[in-house]
C-alpha cells in the first residue's frame, strides 16, 4: 500500500491509501486523488472548496516516471499543485 498525500495550501494533508499497481500512469493516480478529494468535499457540503479542488493540477516531483514509482519500495508520496500550471492540463 502507498499513502498518497496532497501538499497544497488549502488541502494539505488530504490522503488516501492506494495500491500503486492499480494505476497505469502518474496522471491516472493524480486524477484518482483529485476525484477522491472532490468527492470528500461534496460529501461534507463544502461547495466553495469543491470549486477550488476542481482547478487543481496535481503532479509529482519525486519520480521521473510511474514505472519508477512502481519499482520503488516507497510507501509514502506527495502530490503537489502549482499555481502557475498550464491551462491545458487534463487532471
PDB file of N, CA and C in Angstrom:
ATOM      1  N   UNK A   1       0.836  -1.184   0.000  1.00  0.00           N
ATOM      2  CA  UNK A   1       0.000   0.000   0.000  1.00  0.00           C
ATOM      3  C   UNK A   1       0.881   1.247   0.000  1.00  0.00           C
ATOM      4  N   UNK A   2       0.377   2.244  -0.680  1.00  0.00           N
ATOM      5  CA  UNK A   2       1.067   3.520  -0.803  1.00  0.00           C
ATOM      6  C   UNK A   2       0.158   4.595  -0.229  1.00  0.00           C
ATOM      7  N   UNK A   3       0.697   5.418   0.654  1.00  0.00           N
ATOM      8  CA  UNK A   3      -0.044   6.558   1.167  1.00  0.00           C
ATOM      9  C   UNK A   3       0.293   7.751   0.291  1.00  0.00           C
ATOM     10  N   UNK A   4      -0.737   8.335  -0.319  1.00  0.00           N
ATOM     11  CA  UNK A   4      -0.557   9.491  -1.191  1.00  0.00           C
ATOM     12  C   UNK A   4      -1.157  10.694  -0.476  1.00  0.00           C
ATOM     13  N   UNK A   5      -0.345  11.735  -0.331  1.00  0.00           N
ATOM     14  CA  UNK A   5      -0.746  12.929   0.415  1.00  0.00           C
ATOM     15  C   UNK A   5      -0.695  14.130  -0.518  1.00  0.00           C
ATOM     16  N   UNK A   6      -1.729  14.949  -0.463  1.00  0.00           N
ATOM     17  CA  UNK A   6      -1.732  16.182  -1.247  1.00  0.00           C
ATOM     18  C   UNK A   6      -1.048  17.277  -0.439  1.00  0.00           C
ATOM     19  N   UNK A   7      -0.111  17.955  -1.086  1.00  0.00           N
ATOM     20  CA  UNK A   7       0.583  19.084  -0.484  1.00  0.00           C
ATOM     21  C   UNK A   7       0.096  20.347  -1.203  1.00  0.00           C
ATOM     22  N   UNK A   8      -0.732  21.110  -0.520  1.00  0.00           N
ATOM     23  CA  UNK A   8      -1.354  22.296  -1.116  1.00  0.00           C
ATOM     24  C   UNK A   8      -1.781  23.227   0.013  1.00  0.00           C
ATOM     25  N   UNK A   9      -1.774  24.516  -0.217  1.00  0.00           N
ATOM     26  CA  UNK A   9      -2.076  25.476   0.856  1.00  0.00           C
ATOM     27  C   UNK A   9      -3.459  25.247   1.484  1.00  0.00           C
ATOM     28  N   UNK A  10      -4.429  24.823   0.705  1.00  0.00           N
ATOM     29  CA  UNK A  10      -5.784  24.614   1.218  1.00  0.00           C
ATOM     30  C   UNK A  10      -6.043  23.164   1.607  1.00  0.00           C
ATOM     31  N   UNK A  11      -5.521  22.229   0.822  1.00  0.00           N
ATOM     32  CA  UNK A  11      -5.864  20.815   1.006  1.00  0.00           C
ATOM     33  C   UNK A  11      -4.710  19.996   1.577  1.00  0.00           C
ATOM     34  N   UNK A  12      -3.752  20.665   2.178  1.00  0.00           N
ATOM     35  CA  UNK A  12      -2.576  19.998   2.724  1.00  0.00           C
ATOM     36  C   UNK A  12      -2.977  18.883   3.694  1.00  0.00           C
ATOM     37  N   UNK A  13      -2.424  17.712   3.478  1.00  0.00           N
ATOM     38  CA  UNK A  13      -2.679  16.598   4.379  1.00  0.00           C
ATOM     39  C   UNK A  13      -3.773  15.642   3.936  1.00  0.00           C
ATOM     40  N   UNK A  14      -4.562  16.018   2.911  1.00  0.00           N
ATOM     41  CA  UNK A  14      -5.570  15.084   2.419  1.00  0.00           C
ATOM     42  C   UNK A  14      -4.834  13.864   1.886  1.00  0.00           C
ATOM     43  N   UNK A  15      -5.239  12.688   2.324  1.00  0.00           N
ATOM     44  CA  UNK A  15      -4.512  11.486   1.928  1.00  0.00           C
ATOM     45  C   UNK A  15      -5.430  10.302   1.686  1.00  0.00           C
ATOM     46  N   UNK A  16      -4.926   9.403   0.886  1.00  0.00           N
ATOM     47  CA  UNK A  16      -5.598   8.135   0.617  1.00  0.00           C
ATOM     48  C   UNK A  16      -4.532   7.054   0.539  1.00  0.00           C
ATOM     49  N   UNK A  17      -4.929   5.840   0.911  1.00  0.00           N
ATOM     50  CA  UNK A  17      -4.054   4.673   0.801  1.00  0.00           C
ATOM     51  C   UNK A  17      -4.456   3.944  -0.475  1.00  0.00           C
ATOM     52  N   UNK A  18      -3.502   3.722  -1.352  1.00  0.00           N
ATOM     53  CA  UNK A  18      -3.803   3.105  -2.645  1.00  0.00           C
ATOM     54  C   UNK A  18      -2.823   1.969  -2.939  1.00  0.00           C
ATOM     55  N   UNK A  19      -3.248   1.113  -3.808  1.00  0.00           N
ATOM     56  CA  UNK A  19      -2.366   0.091  -4.358  1.00  0.00           C
ATOM     57  C   UNK A  19      -1.737   0.716  -5.591  1.00  0.00           C
ATOM     58  N   UNK A  20      -0.449   0.997  -5.539  1.00  0.00           N
ATOM     59  CA  UNK A  20       0.187   1.722  -6.648  1.00  0.00           C
ATOM     60  C   UNK A  20       0.169   0.939  -7.950  1.00  0.00           C
ATOM     61  N   UNK A  21      -0.098  -0.353  -7.889  1.00  0.00           N
ATOM     62  CA  UNK A  21      -0.135  -1.169  -9.105  1.00  0.00           C
ATOM     63  C   UNK A  21      -1.502  -1.154  -9.788  1.00  0.00           C
ATOM     64  N   UNK A  22      -2.487  -0.457  -9.205  1.00  0.00           N
ATOM     65  CA  UNK A  22      -3.807  -0.403  -9.824  1.00  0.00           C
ATOM     66  C   UNK A  22      -3.905   0.711 -10.871  1.00  0.00           C
ATOM     67  N   UNK A  23      -2.883   1.531 -10.997  1.00  0.00           N
ATOM     68  CA  UNK A  23      -2.889   2.631 -11.963  1.00  0.00           C
ATOM     69  C   UNK A  23      -1.886   2.357 -13.076  1.00  0.00           C
ATOM     70  N   UNK A  24      -2.132   2.971 -14.233  1.00  0.00           N
ATOM     71  CA  UNK A  24      -1.237   2.806 -15.378  1.00  0.00           C
ATOM     72  C   UNK A  24      -0.246   3.949 -15.519  1.00  0.00           C
ATOM     73  N   UNK A  25      -0.542   5.066 -14.863  1.00  0.00           N
ATOM     74  CA  UNK A  25       0.299   6.247 -15.061  1.00  0.00           C
ATOM     75  C   UNK A  25       0.199   7.168 -13.849  1.00  0.00           C
ATOM     76  N   UNK A  26       1.117   8.116 -13.789  1.00  0.00           N
ATOM     77  CA  UNK A  26       1.079   9.126 -12.736  1.00  0.00           C
ATOM     78  C   UNK A  26      -0.181   9.974 -12.912  1.00  0.00           C
ATOM     79  N   UNK A  27      -0.539  10.247 -14.149  1.00  0.00           N
ATOM     80  CA  UNK A  27      -1.750  11.022 -14.416  1.00  0.00           C
ATOM     81  C   UNK A  27      -2.981  10.302 -13.864  1.00  0.00           C
ATOM     82  N   UNK A  28      -3.034   8.983 -14.039  1.00  0.00           N
ATOM     83  CA  UNK A  28      -4.154   8.208 -13.503  1.00  0.00           C
ATOM     84  C   UNK A  28      -4.244   8.328 -11.993  1.00  0.00           C
ATOM     85  N   UNK A  29      -3.113   8.260 -11.324  1.00  0.00           N
ATOM     86  CA  UNK A  29      -3.085   8.399  -9.870  1.00  0.00           C
ATOM     87  C   UNK A  29      -3.516   9.802  -9.458  1.00  0.00           C
ATOM     88  N   UNK A  30      -3.036  10.814 -10.181  1.00  0.00           N
ATOM     89  CA  UNK A  30      -3.400  12.202  -9.862  1.00  0.00           C
ATOM     90  C   UNK A  30      -4.893  12.444 -10.064  1.00  0.00           C
ATOM     91  N   UNK A  31      -5.440  11.925 -11.142  1.00  0.00           N
ATOM     92  CA  UNK A  31      -6.876  12.062 -11.394  1.00  0.00           C
ATOM     93  C   UNK A  31      -7.665  11.369 -10.285  1.00  0.00           C
ATOM     94  N   UNK A  32      -7.231  10.195  -9.879  1.00  0.00           N
ATOM     95  CA  UNK A  32      -7.903   9.467  -8.791  1.00  0.00           C
ATOM     96  C   UNK A  32      -7.902  10.303  -7.508  1.00  0.00           C
ATOM     97  N   UNK A  33      -6.753  10.865  -7.159  1.00  0.00           N
ATOM     98  CA  UNK A  33      -6.656  11.652  -5.927  1.00  0.00           C
ATOM     99  C   UNK A  33      -7.530  12.899  -5.996  1.00  0.00           C
ATOM    100  N   UNK A  34      -7.548  13.545  -7.130  1.00  0.00           N
ATOM    101  CA  UNK A  34      -8.385  14.726  -7.291  1.00  0.00           C
ATOM    102  C   UNK A  34      -9.866  14.349  -7.168  1.00  0.00           C
ATOM    103  N   UNK A  35     -10.250  13.245  -7.782  1.00  0.00           N
ATOM    104  CA  UNK A  35     -11.635  12.768  -7.698  1.00  0.00           C
ATOM    105  C   UNK A  35     -12.005  12.437  -6.254  1.00  0.00           C
ATOM    106  N   UNK A  36     -11.100  11.790  -5.543  1.00  0.00           N
ATOM    107  CA  UNK A  36     -11.350  11.463  -4.135  1.00  0.00           C
ATOM    108  C   UNK A  36     -11.528  12.728  -3.300  1.00  0.00           C
ATOM    109  N   UNK A  37     -10.694  13.720  -3.536  1.00  0.00           N
ATOM    110  CA  UNK A  37     -10.784  14.979  -2.796  1.00  0.00           C
ATOM    111  C   UNK A  37     -12.116  15.679  -3.086  1.00  0.00           C
ATOM    112  N   UNK A  38     -12.476  15.790  -4.347  1.00  0.00           N
ATOM    113  CA  UNK A  38     -13.724  16.453  -4.724  1.00  0.00           C
ATOM    114  C   UNK A  38     -14.918  15.707  -4.129  1.00  0.00           C
ATOM    115  N   UNK A  39     -14.901  14.382  -4.179  1.00  0.00           N
ATOM    116  CA  UNK A  39     -15.989  13.587  -3.595  1.00  0.00           C
ATOM    117  C   UNK A  39     -16.104  13.824  -2.090  1.00  0.00           C
ATOM    118  N   UNK A  40     -14.967  13.857  -1.426  1.00  0.00           N
ATOM    119  CA  UNK A  40     -14.958  14.111   0.017  1.00  0.00           C
ATOM    120  C   UNK A  40     -15.559  15.488   0.321  1.00  0.00           C
ATOM    121  N   UNK A  41     -15.145  16.497  -0.415  1.00  0.00           N
ATOM    122  CA  UNK A  41     -15.640  17.858  -0.186  1.00  0.00           C
ATOM    123  C   UNK A  41     -17.139  17.964  -0.473  1.00  0.00           C
ATOM    124  N   UNK A  42     -17.594  17.293  -1.530  1.00  0.00           N
ATOM    125  CA  UNK A  42     -19.045  17.252  -1.813  1.00  0.00           C
ATOM    126  C   UNK A  42     -19.783  16.624  -0.641  1.00  0.00           C
ATOM    127  N   UNK A  43     -19.265  15.531  -0.135  1.00  0.00           N
ATOM    128  CA  UNK A  43     -19.904  14.835   0.981  1.00  0.00           C
ATOM    129  C   UNK A  43     -19.997  15.673   2.243  1.00  0.00           C
ATOM    130  N   UNK A  44     -19.056  16.584   2.404  1.00  0.00           N
ATOM    131  CA  UNK A  44     -19.047  17.468   3.574  1.00  0.00           C
ATOM    132  C   UNK A  44     -19.758  18.787   3.288  1.00  0.00           C
ATOM    133  N   UNK A  45     -20.346  18.906   2.079  1.00  0.00           N
ATOM    134  CA  UNK A  45     -21.092  20.103   1.660  1.00  0.00           C
ATOM    135  C   UNK A  45     -20.213  21.361   1.671  1.00  0.00           C
ATOM    136  N   UNK A  46     -19.009  21.240   1.153  1.00  0.00           N
ATOM    137  CA  UNK A  46     -18.056  22.354   1.101  1.00  0.00           C
ATOM    138  C   UNK A  46     -17.927  22.857  -0.333  1.00  0.00           C
ATOM    139  N   UNK A  47     -18.976  23.485  -0.822  1.00  0.00           N
ATOM    140  CA  UNK A  47     -19.090  23.885  -2.228  1.00  0.00           C
ATOM    141  C   UNK A  47     -17.964  24.807  -2.687  1.00  0.00           C
ATOM    142  N   UNK A  48     -17.603  25.796  -1.894  1.00  0.00           N
ATOM    143  CA  UNK A  48     -16.543  26.725  -2.302  1.00  0.00           C
ATOM    144  C   UNK A  48     -15.215  25.995  -2.463  1.00  0.00           C
ATOM    145  N   UNK A  49     -14.966  25.029  -1.608  1.00  0.00           N
ATOM    146  CA  UNK A  49     -13.722  24.264  -1.706  1.00  0.00           C
ATOM    147  C   UNK A  49     -13.760  23.289  -2.872  1.00  0.00           C
ATOM    148  N   UNK A  50     -14.944  22.801  -3.229  1.00  0.00           N
ATOM    149  CA  UNK A  50     -15.079  21.914  -4.388  1.00  0.00           C
ATOM    150  C   UNK A  50     -14.593  22.644  -5.639  1.00  0.00           C
ATOM    151  N   UNK A  51     -15.010  23.888  -5.798  1.00  0.00           N
ATOM    152  CA  UNK A  51     -14.587  24.667  -6.961  1.00  0.00           C
ATOM    153  C   UNK A  51     -13.076  24.820  -7.009  1.00  0.00           C
ATOM    154  N   UNK A  52     -12.464  25.085  -5.872  1.00  0.00           N
ATOM    155  CA  UNK A  52     -11.001  25.217  -5.828  1.00  0.00           C
ATOM    156  C   UNK A  52     -10.332  23.883  -6.141  1.00  0.00           C
ATOM    157  N   UNK A  53     -10.867  22.808  -5.595  1.00  0.00           N
ATOM    158  CA  UNK A  53     -10.283  21.482  -5.826  1.00  0.00           C
ATOM    159  C   UNK A  53     -10.376  21.080  -7.292  1.00  0.00           C
ATOM    160  N   UNK A  54     -11.445  21.451  -7.953  1.00  0.00           N
ATOM    161  CA  UNK A  54     -11.610  21.097  -9.362  1.00  0.00           C
ATOM    162  C   UNK A  54     -10.591  21.790 -10.257  1.00  0.00           C
ATOM    163  N   UNK A  55     -10.002  22.880  -9.780  1.00  0.00           N
ATOM    164  CA  UNK A  55      -8.990  23.595 -10.562  1.00  0.00           C
ATOM    165  C   UNK A  55      -7.565  23.100 -10.305  1.00  0.00           C
ATOM    166  N   UNK A  56      -7.408  22.138  -9.417  1.00  0.00           N
ATOM    167  CA  UNK A  56      -6.072  21.648  -9.071  1.00  0.00           C
ATOM    168  C   UNK A  56      -5.387  20.959 -10.243  1.00  0.00           C
ATOM    169  N   UNK A  57      -4.107  21.203 -10.374  1.00  0.00           N
ATOM    170  CA  UNK A  57      -3.236  20.446 -11.280  1.00  0.00           C
ATOM    171  C   UNK A  57      -2.258  19.699 -10.380  1.00  0.00           C
ATOM    172  N   UNK A  58      -2.575  18.461 -10.094  1.00  0.00           N
ATOM    173  CA  UNK A  58      -1.721  17.652  -9.221  1.00  0.00           C
ATOM    174  C   UNK A  58      -0.609  17.013 -10.031  1.00  0.00           C
ATOM    175  N   UNK A  59       0.572  16.977  -9.451  1.00  0.00           N
ATOM    176  CA  UNK A  59       1.711  16.340 -10.097  1.00  0.00           C
ATOM    177  C   UNK A  59       2.727  15.941  -9.031  1.00  0.00           C
ATOM    178  N   UNK A  60       3.700  15.180  -9.457  1.00  0.00           N
ATOM    179  CA  UNK A  60       4.696  14.636  -8.534  1.00  0.00           C
ATOM    180  C   UNK A  60       6.092  15.000  -9.008  1.00  0.00           C
ATOM    181  N   UNK A  61       6.935  15.415  -8.080  1.00  0.00           N
ATOM    182  CA  UNK A  61       8.326  15.737  -8.390  1.00  0.00           C
ATOM    183  C   UNK A  61       9.287  14.628  -7.956  1.00  0.00           C
ATOM    184  N   UNK A  62       8.774  13.648  -7.256  1.00  0.00           N
ATOM    185  CA  UNK A  62       9.637  12.620  -6.668  1.00  0.00           C
ATOM    186  C   UNK A  62      10.111  11.565  -7.661  1.00  0.00           C
ATOM    187  N   UNK A  63       9.330  11.334  -8.706  1.00  0.00           N
ATOM    188  CA  UNK A  63       9.638  10.242  -9.642  1.00  0.00           C
ATOM    189  C   UNK A  63       9.602  10.756 -11.075  1.00  0.00           C
ATOM    190  N   UNK A  64      10.521  10.266 -11.884  1.00  0.00           N
ATOM    191  CA  UNK A  64      10.569  10.659 -13.294  1.00  0.00           C
ATOM    192  C   UNK A  64       9.485   9.967 -14.108  1.00  0.00           C
ATOM    193  N   UNK A  65       9.069   8.799 -13.668  1.00  0.00           N
ATOM    194  CA  UNK A  65       8.030   8.066 -14.391  1.00  0.00           C
ATOM    195  C   UNK A  65       7.221   7.235 -13.393  1.00  0.00           C
ATOM    196  N   UNK A  66       6.075   6.783 -13.846  1.00  0.00           N
ATOM    197  CA  UNK A  66       5.240   5.948 -12.984  1.00  0.00           C
ATOM    198  C   UNK A  66       5.911   4.599 -12.737  1.00  0.00           C
ATOM    199  N   UNK A  67       6.641   4.113 -13.725  1.00  0.00           N
ATOM    200  CA  UNK A  67       7.381   2.863 -13.541  1.00  0.00           C
ATOM    201  C   UNK A  67       8.387   2.982 -12.404  1.00  0.00           C
ATOM    202  N   UNK A  68       9.033   4.155 -12.285  1.00  0.00           N
ATOM    203  CA  UNK A  68       9.969   4.373 -11.181  1.00  0.00           C
ATOM    204  C   UNK A  68       9.262   4.235  -9.833  1.00  0.00           C
ATOM    205  N   UNK A  69       8.067   4.795  -9.750  1.00  0.00           N
ATOM    206  CA  UNK A  69       7.293   4.684  -8.511  1.00  0.00           C
ATOM    207  C   UNK A  69       6.960   3.229  -8.215  1.00  0.00           C
ATOM    208  N   UNK A  70       6.498   2.512  -9.229  1.00  0.00           N
ATOM    209  CA  UNK A  70       6.105   1.115  -9.032  1.00  0.00           C
ATOM    210  C   UNK A  70       7.289   0.241  -8.627  1.00  0.00           C
ATOM    211  N   UNK A  71       8.461   0.543  -9.123  1.00  0.00           N
ATOM    212  CA  UNK A  71       9.658  -0.232  -8.786  1.00  0.00           C
ATOM    213  C   UNK A  71      10.228   0.134  -7.415  1.00  0.00           C
ATOM    214  N   UNK A  72       9.834   1.281  -6.910  1.00  0.00           N
ATOM    215  CA  UNK A  72      10.391   1.730  -5.635  1.00  0.00           C
ATOM    216  C   UNK A  72       9.733   0.995  -4.466  1.00  0.00           C
ATOM    217  N   UNK A  73      10.385   1.059  -3.338  1.00  0.00           N
ATOM    218  CA  UNK A  73       9.815   0.461  -2.126  1.00  0.00           C
ATOM    219  C   UNK A  73       9.099   1.515  -1.285  1.00  0.00           C
ATOM    220  N   UNK A  74       8.883   2.673  -1.863  1.00  0.00           N
ATOM    221  CA  UNK A  74       8.248   3.777  -1.136  1.00  0.00           C
ATOM    222  C   UNK A  74       6.842   3.400  -0.678  1.00  0.00           C
ATOM    223  N   UNK A  75       6.500   3.854   0.512  1.00  0.00           N
ATOM    224  CA  UNK A  75       5.141   3.643   0.996  1.00  0.00           C
ATOM    225  C   UNK A  75       4.440   4.979   1.254  1.00  0.00           C
ATOM    226  N   UNK A  76       5.098   6.076   0.835  1.00  0.00           N
ATOM    227  CA  UNK A  76       4.559   7.412   1.015  1.00  0.00           C
ATOM    228  C   UNK A  76       4.993   8.290  -0.145  1.00  0.00           C
ATOM    229  N   UNK A  77       4.065   9.074  -0.691  1.00  0.00           N
ATOM    230  CA  UNK A  77       4.429  10.035  -1.727  1.00  0.00           C
ATOM    231  C   UNK A  77       3.534  11.252  -1.625  1.00  0.00           C
ATOM    232  N   UNK A  78       4.047  12.370  -2.111  1.00  0.00           N
ATOM    233  CA  UNK A  78       3.319  13.627  -2.088  1.00  0.00           C
ATOM    234  C   UNK A  78       2.969  14.062  -3.500  1.00  0.00           C
ATOM    235  N   UNK A  79       1.769  14.596  -3.646  1.00  0.00           N
ATOM    236  CA  UNK A  79       1.360  15.247  -4.886  1.00  0.00           C
ATOM    237  C   UNK A  79       1.219  16.720  -4.562  1.00  0.00           C
ATOM    238  N   UNK A  80       1.765  17.556  -5.416  1.00  0.00           N
ATOM    239  CA  UNK A  80       1.683  18.983  -5.171  1.00  0.00           C
ATOM    240  C   UNK A  80       0.917  19.660  -6.297  1.00  0.00           C
ATOM    241  N   UNK A  81       0.631  20.922  -6.087  1.00  0.00           N
ATOM    242  CA  UNK A  81      -0.089  21.708  -7.078  1.00  0.00           C
ATOM    243  C   UNK A  81       0.571  23.060  -7.176  1.00  0.00           C
ATOM    244  N   UNK A  82       0.882  23.447  -8.385  1.00  0.00           N
ATOM    245  CA  UNK A  82       1.472  24.750  -8.635  1.00  0.00           C
ATOM    246  C   UNK A  82       0.384  25.710  -9.082  1.00  0.00           C
ATOM    247  N   UNK A  83       0.480  26.950  -8.669  1.00  0.00           N
ATOM    248  CA  UNK A  83      -0.476  27.959  -9.104  1.00  0.00           C
ATOM    249  C   UNK A  83      -0.232  28.371 -10.554  1.00  0.00           C
ATOM    250  N   UNK A  84       0.927  28.124 -11.070  1.00  0.00           N
ATOM    251  CA  UNK A  84       1.273  28.507 -12.436  1.00  0.00           C
ATOM    252  C   UNK A  84       1.246  27.304 -13.364  1.00  0.00           C
ATOM    253  N   UNK A  85       0.196  26.547 -13.279  1.00  0.00           N
ATOM    254  CA  UNK A  85       0.069  25.322 -14.066  1.00  0.00           C
ATOM    255  C   UNK A  85      -0.474  25.623 -15.447  1.00  0.00           C
ATOM    256  N   UNK A  86      -0.093  24.813 -16.427  1.00  0.00           N
ATOM    257  CA  UNK A  86      -0.629  25.003 -17.770  1.00  0.00           C
ATOM    258  C   UNK A  86      -2.144  24.827 -17.786  1.00  0.00           C
ATOM    259  N   UNK A  87      -2.818  25.693 -18.486  1.00  0.00           N
ATOM    260  CA  UNK A  87      -4.282  25.643 -18.533  1.00  0.00           C
ATOM    261  C   UNK A  87      -4.800  24.413 -19.265  1.00  0.00           C
ATOM    262  N   UNK A  88      -3.992  23.812 -20.124  1.00  0.00           N
ATOM    263  CA  UNK A  88      -4.448  22.684 -20.925  1.00  0.00           C
ATOM    264  C   UNK A  88      -4.320  21.354 -20.211  1.00  0.00           C
ATOM    265  N   UNK A  89      -3.915  21.343 -18.971  1.00  0.00           N
ATOM    266  CA  UNK A  89      -3.690  20.104 -18.243  1.00  0.00           C
ATOM    267  C   UNK A  89      -5.003  19.359 -18.017  1.00  0.00           C
ATOM    268  N   UNK A  90      -4.961  18.059 -18.189  1.00  0.00           N
ATOM    269  CA  UNK A  90      -6.150  17.214 -18.099  1.00  0.00           C
ATOM    270  C   UNK A  90      -6.611  17.024 -16.667  1.00  0.00           C
ATOM    271  N   UNK A  91      -5.698  16.799 -15.730  1.00  0.00           N
ATOM    272  CA  UNK A  91      -6.129  16.445 -14.379  1.00  0.00           C
ATOM    273  C   UNK A  91      -6.371  17.672 -13.566  1.00  0.00           C
TER     274      UNK A  91
END
